[in-house]
Protein backbone atom coordinates (compact mmCIF):
# COMPACT_ATOMS: atom_id res chain seq x y z
CA MET A 1 -0.75 -6.39 -9.90
CA LEU A 2 -2.23 -3.49 -11.76
CA LEU A 3 -4.96 -5.83 -13.28
CA PHE A 4 -5.90 -6.78 -9.54
CA ASP A 5 -5.62 -3.17 -8.22
CA ILE A 6 -8.57 -2.26 -10.70
CA LEU A 7 -10.52 -5.45 -9.90
CA THR A 8 -10.17 -4.93 -6.20
CA LEU A 9 -10.81 -1.30 -6.45
CA PHE A 10 -14.24 -1.88 -7.60
CA THR A 11 -15.32 -5.37 -6.10
CA PHE A 12 -14.07 -4.68 -2.59
CA PRO A 13 -16.61 -1.84 -1.68
CA PHE A 14 -19.27 -3.96 -3.30
CA LEU A 15 -18.39 -7.04 -1.34
CA GLY A 16 -18.08 -4.98 1.89
CA ARG A 17 -21.55 -3.84 1.68
CA LEU A 18 -22.79 -7.33 0.51
CA LEU A 19 -21.10 -8.74 3.63
CA GLU A 20 -22.72 -5.86 5.96
CA LEU A 21 -19.05 -4.98 7.16
CA SER A 22 -18.77 -2.04 9.51
CA ALA A 23 -16.49 0.72 8.32
CA ILE A 24 -13.84 -0.31 10.61
CA GLU A 25 -13.99 -3.96 9.46
CA PHE A 26 -13.89 -2.89 5.77
CA GLY A 27 -11.10 -0.63 6.20
CA VAL A 28 -8.78 -3.09 7.96
CA TRP A 29 -9.94 -5.71 5.49
CA ALA A 30 -8.95 -3.79 2.45
CA GLY A 31 -5.65 -2.65 4.05
CA VAL A 32 -4.74 -6.27 4.96
CA SER A 33 -5.81 -7.88 1.64
CA MET A 34 -5.20 -5.42 -1.40
CA TYR A 35 -1.99 -5.27 -2.91
CA SER A 36 -1.38 -1.42 -3.50
CA THR A 37 -1.68 1.41 -1.38
CA GLY A 38 -3.42 3.72 -3.88
CA PRO A 39 -6.46 1.26 -4.54
CA VAL A 40 -6.66 0.49 -0.82
CA ALA A 41 -7.24 4.02 -0.07
CA ALA A 42 -9.53 4.62 -2.99
CA ALA A 43 -11.71 1.53 -2.21
CA GLY A 44 -11.68 2.57 1.54
CA PHE A 45 -12.95 6.04 0.83
CA ALA A 46 -15.40 4.69 -1.77
CA PHE A 47 -16.98 2.56 1.11
CA SER A 48 -16.94 5.62 3.66
CA ASP A 49 -14.54 8.15 5.03
CA VAL A 50 -14.11 6.20 8.19
CA ALA A 51 -13.31 3.01 6.23
CA GLY A 52 -10.73 4.99 3.88
CA ARG A 53 -8.87 6.22 7.01
CA TRP A 54 -8.79 2.58 8.58
CA ALA A 55 -7.68 1.17 5.21
CA THR A 56 -5.14 3.74 4.58
CA ILE A 57 -3.50 3.30 8.00
CA THR A 58 -3.70 -0.42 7.78
CA LYS A 59 -1.95 -0.62 4.57
CA LEU A 60 0.63 2.09 5.51
CA THR A 61 1.46 -0.16 8.66
CA ARG A 62 1.74 -3.02 6.40
CA ASN A 63 4.05 -1.09 4.10
CA THR A 64 6.16 -0.02 7.19
CA PHE A 65 6.67 -3.61 8.12
CA ILE A 66 7.63 -4.48 4.59
CA GLY A 67 10.21 -1.59 4.74
CA ILE A 68 11.78 -3.01 7.81
CA ALA A 69 12.07 -6.50 6.26
CA VAL A 70 13.38 -5.15 3.04
CA LEU A 71 16.07 -3.24 5.10
CA LEU A 72 17.07 -6.18 7.10
CA TYR A 73 17.25 -8.29 4.02
CA SER A 74 19.19 -5.80 2.15
CA LEU A 75 21.72 -5.43 5.03
CA ALA A 76 22.09 -9.21 5.31
CA TYR A 77 22.80 -9.49 1.60
CA THR A 78 24.88 -6.50 0.64
CA PRO A 79 28.38 -7.10 0.11
CA THR A 80 30.60 -6.43 3.10
CA GLY A 81 33.56 -4.25 3.34
CA GLN A 82 37.06 -5.45 3.76
CA SER A 83 37.81 -8.92 4.13
CA GLY A 84 36.95 -10.34 7.61
CA SER A 85 34.45 -7.47 8.06
CA GLN A 86 30.96 -8.29 8.87
CA LEU A 87 29.52 -4.86 8.11
CA PRO A 88 27.88 -4.32 4.80
CA GLN A 89 29.05 -1.44 2.74
CA LEU A 90 26.82 1.37 3.65
CA GLY A 91 27.46 3.27 0.35
CA VAL A 92 25.85 0.44 -1.48
CA VAL A 93 22.68 0.46 0.90
CA TRP A 94 22.58 4.42 0.60
CA ALA A 95 22.75 4.26 -3.24
CA SER A 96 19.66 2.12 -3.50
CA PHE A 97 17.70 3.56 -0.60
CA PRO A 98 14.47 5.35 -1.68
CA LYS A 99 15.11 8.92 -0.57
CA PHE A 100 11.72 10.06 -0.94
CA VAL A 101 11.11 8.23 2.38
CA PHE A 102 12.76 11.23 4.04
CA GLY A 103 10.34 13.74 2.29
CA PHE A 104 7.43 11.50 3.67
CA ILE A 105 8.58 11.43 7.24
CA GLY A 106 9.30 15.16 7.05
CA VAL A 107 5.75 15.90 5.82
CA VAL A 108 4.23 13.59 8.65
CA LEU A 109 6.36 15.36 11.40
CA LEU A 110 5.61 18.73 10.12
CA THR A 111 1.85 18.19 9.75
CA ASN A 112 1.73 16.81 13.27
CA SER A 113 3.93 19.31 14.88
CA GLY A 114 1.51 22.22 14.75
CA ILE A 115 3.29 24.36 12.42
CA PHE A 116 0.58 24.42 9.72
CA THR A 117 -2.93 25.98 10.58
CA THR A 118 -5.99 23.71 10.12
CA GLY A 119 -6.62 25.54 6.77
CA GLN A 120 -3.16 24.66 5.46
CA VAL A 121 -3.47 21.07 6.40
CA LEU A 122 -6.76 21.05 4.72
CA ALA A 123 -5.23 22.49 1.57
CA LEU A 124 -2.45 19.82 1.66
CA GLU A 125 -5.10 17.01 2.12
CA HIS A 126 -7.01 18.49 -1.10
CA SER A 127 -3.78 18.63 -3.03
CA TYR A 128 -2.82 15.03 -1.95
CA ARG A 129 -6.06 13.76 -3.16
CA TRP A 130 -5.66 15.53 -6.56
CA LEU A 131 -2.17 14.38 -7.03
CA PHE A 132 -3.25 10.84 -5.97
CA LEU A 133 -5.90 10.84 -8.62
CA PHE A 134 -3.41 12.04 -11.27
CA ALA A 135 -0.87 9.36 -10.20
CA PHE A 136 -3.61 6.54 -10.13
CA ALA A 137 -4.78 7.60 -13.55
CA GLY A 138 -1.21 7.43 -14.64
CA LEU A 139 -0.70 3.84 -13.38
CA GLY A 140 -3.66 2.91 -15.57
CA MET A 141 -1.89 4.25 -18.59
CA GLU A 142 0.95 1.65 -17.84
CA LEU A 143 -1.31 -1.27 -18.41
CA ASP A 144 0.17 -3.27 -21.36
CA LEU A 145 -2.32 -6.01 -22.39
CA THR A 146 0.08 -7.37 -24.90
CA ARG A 147 2.86 -8.13 -22.37
CA MET A 148 0.06 -9.55 -20.15
CA ARG A 149 -1.18 -11.80 -22.82
CA GLU A 150 2.56 -12.99 -23.48
CA THR A 151 3.08 -13.79 -19.80
CA GLY A 152 0.31 -16.47 -19.82
CA LEU A 153 -2.45 -17.34 -17.36
CA LYS A 154 -0.42 -19.21 -14.92
CA PRO A 155 1.09 -16.08 -12.94
CA VAL A 156 -2.11 -14.48 -13.10
CA GLY A 157 -3.98 -17.42 -11.58
CA LEU A 158 -1.36 -17.76 -8.80
CA VAL A 159 -1.55 -13.94 -7.92
CA PHE A 160 -5.50 -14.35 -7.92
CA LEU A 161 -5.33 -17.48 -5.74
CA GLY A 162 -3.17 -15.57 -3.49
CA LEU A 163 -5.51 -12.55 -3.37
CA ILE A 164 -8.53 -14.69 -2.66
CA GLY A 165 -6.71 -16.80 -0.05
CA THR A 166 -5.43 -13.62 1.68
CA SER A 167 -8.86 -12.11 1.57
CA VAL A 168 -10.74 -14.86 2.91
CA PHE A 169 -8.22 -15.53 5.75
CA ALA A 170 -8.07 -11.80 6.89
CA LEU A 171 -11.91 -11.63 6.86
CA GLY A 172 -12.22 -14.46 8.98
CA ILE A 173 -9.71 -12.96 11.43
CA ILE A 174 -11.28 -9.68 11.16
CA ARG A 175 -14.73 -10.88 11.96
CA VAL A 176 -13.60 -12.62 15.05
CA ALA A 177 -11.06 -10.05 16.26
CA LEU A 178 -13.40 -6.98 15.66
């Protein structure tokens, strides 16, 4: 996916301008079409501030639904407790639950509660952008071209076709709906 994150990060803003998409159209299109949250936000903000905000919220909304689907799926396939019980073993679910979600929800609640001043929220936003930059650079360091070459072109082609199909379909819907 990292290969396509790099590809879409640079090509989506170019295509958005070429297709004369509005900031909202571009943001929604990037948020629906692109694979990873970081490149979605980066491509959105490369297009414009408004597009960056729409891209981020669209992608985070997508992520929320993925989280709900994963939770339901994991509950359905987690081993149940004692024989005859239909309830999953909550300890198994809890052990694999990503605890950082609580931190994310906490920051959202605190930021929107009015506890922080405008200056503090701005400082948090600046920190977030710098940390995001370092995290994204770190992802690039994980790119292993040897492993990619060993995997072959068939999976890469399949993911590429999925990206193209999703992007074209989403763009068509967005052009009609927005």
